[in-house]
Every structure is written in structure tokens, then in C-alpha cells.
Amino acid sequence: MAKGTGDAGNIVLKLWRPLAFQLISIIGEGGFNALYARSIYLTHATFPWLILADVPCAADVRFTDLKIRLFMCFSGLNYGEGSAT
């Protein structure tokens, strides 16, 4: 189970990144950010721990918070636990 815990975020990112690339080429960065924020909002109803502060525009950090939240959830930690800062 420990291996699956760390892999969950990576699997989700492997799905989101190509989707983001394809959608951004069609609807632009702002359009993708709106769809991404909406999908997180709708998913939050089922998974209350999944809420992101803001959807950043920078492509390299877009999914960082999502990956962290998935890792924390599957590790049984609360968001913010175990952080050095």
C-alpha cells in the first residue's frame, strides 16, 4: 500500500498534464484554468479534503497542490501536517 500511496499523485498528474496540453491548445490557458477550477469545485462535494486555494496560471506549478493533497489524503495525514515550514 505504501507504494500506491506515493503513486496516486503521479498517476493523476500523468492524466492531467496531457489533457491540459491538448485543451490549452484549443481553449487557451484561461479557459483551461476555468475548467480545472470547476472540476476541483465539483469534486470537492464528494471529496471535501480536495479544495485548492487558487488555480495558478504557471504550467509548472498548476498541479502541485493537487499532488500534495492526494499524497496527504492517501498517507492519512491532514494538509499541513509534517511540513517543515
Protein backbone atom coordinates (compact mmCIF):
# COMPACT_ATOMS: atom_id res chain seq x y z
CA MET A 1 0.00 0.00 0.00
CA ALA A 2 2.89 2.40 0.66
CA LYS A 3 3.94 2.29 -2.99
CA GLY A 4 0.36 3.01 -4.11
CA THR A 5 0.21 5.97 -1.75
CA GLY A 6 3.06 7.77 -3.47
CA ASP A 7 1.93 6.76 -6.92
CA ALA A 8 -1.60 8.20 -6.70
CA GLY A 9 -0.47 11.78 -7.25
CA ASN A 10 1.87 10.78 -10.06
CA ILE A 11 -0.88 8.83 -11.82
CA VAL A 12 -3.26 11.76 -11.59
CA LEU A 13 -0.59 14.09 -12.98
CA LYS A 14 0.07 11.73 -15.87
CA LEU A 15 -3.60 12.05 -16.76
CA TRP A 16 -3.97 15.82 -16.22
CA ARG A 17 -0.81 17.03 -17.99
CA PRO A 18 -1.59 15.71 -21.49
CA LEU A 19 -5.21 16.78 -21.08
CA ALA A 20 -4.05 20.27 -20.11
CA PHE A 21 -1.74 20.44 -23.12
CA GLN A 22 -4.50 19.47 -25.54
CA LEU A 23 -7.17 21.71 -24.03
CA ILE A 24 -4.89 24.75 -23.72
CA SER A 25 -4.11 24.48 -27.43
CA ILE A 26 -7.86 24.72 -28.13
CA ILE A 27 -9.35 26.99 -25.44
CA GLY A 28 -6.28 28.76 -24.08
CA GLU A 29 -4.73 28.92 -20.63
CA GLY A 30 -7.56 30.91 -19.08
CA GLY A 31 -10.17 28.52 -20.43
CA PHE A 32 -8.30 25.52 -19.09
CA ASN A 33 -7.82 27.16 -15.69
CA ALA A 34 -11.57 27.79 -15.51
CA LEU A 35 -12.38 24.17 -16.38
CA TYR A 36 -9.77 22.87 -13.93
CA ALA A 37 -11.10 25.07 -11.12
CA ARG A 38 -14.66 23.94 -11.89
CA SER A 39 -13.68 20.27 -11.86
CA ILE A 40 -11.96 20.69 -8.48
CA TYR A 41 -15.02 22.54 -7.16
CA LEU A 42 -17.40 19.79 -8.29
CA THR A 43 -15.12 17.02 -6.99
CA HIS A 44 -14.95 18.78 -3.61
CA ALA A 45 -18.60 17.83 -2.99
CA THR A 46 -17.61 14.16 -2.91
CA PHE A 47 -14.09 14.59 -1.51
CA PRO A 48 -14.16 17.51 0.99
CA TRP A 49 -10.40 17.36 1.55
CA LEU A 50 -9.88 18.30 -2.11
CA ILE A 51 -10.02 22.06 -2.23
CA LEU A 52 -7.33 24.25 -3.72
CA ALA A 53 -6.62 27.81 -2.66
CA ASP A 54 -6.21 29.21 -6.18
CA VAL A 55 -5.57 27.78 -9.60
CA PRO A 56 -2.14 29.13 -10.53
CA CYS A 57 -1.53 30.09 -14.12
CA ALA A 58 2.07 28.87 -14.30
CA ALA A 59 2.11 25.49 -16.04
CA ASP A 60 4.96 24.13 -13.92
CA VAL A 61 3.08 24.63 -10.63
CA ARG A 62 -0.51 24.10 -11.80
CA PHE A 63 -0.91 20.62 -10.32
CA THR A 64 1.48 20.87 -7.36
CA ASP A 65 -1.23 21.49 -4.76
CA LEU A 66 -3.36 18.68 -6.21
CA LYS A 67 -0.45 16.24 -5.96
CA ILE A 68 0.28 17.31 -2.36
CA ARG A 69 -3.36 16.92 -1.32
CA LEU A 70 -3.62 13.48 -2.90
CA PHE A 71 -0.42 12.38 -1.17
CA MET A 72 -1.65 13.69 2.19
CA CYS A 73 -5.03 12.01 1.80
CA PHE A 74 -3.65 8.63 0.83
CA SER A 75 -0.99 8.89 3.55
CA GLY A 76 -3.64 9.54 6.18
CA LEU A 77 -2.25 12.98 7.02
CA ASN A 78 -4.06 16.30 7.27
CA TYR A 79 -3.00 19.04 4.90
CA GLY A 80 -0.18 20.96 6.56
CA GLU A 81 0.96 18.08 8.81
CA GLY A 82 4.56 17.06 8.53
CA SER A 83 5.69 20.18 6.74
CA ALA A 84 8.90 21.80 7.87
CA THR A 85 7.66 25.32 7.11
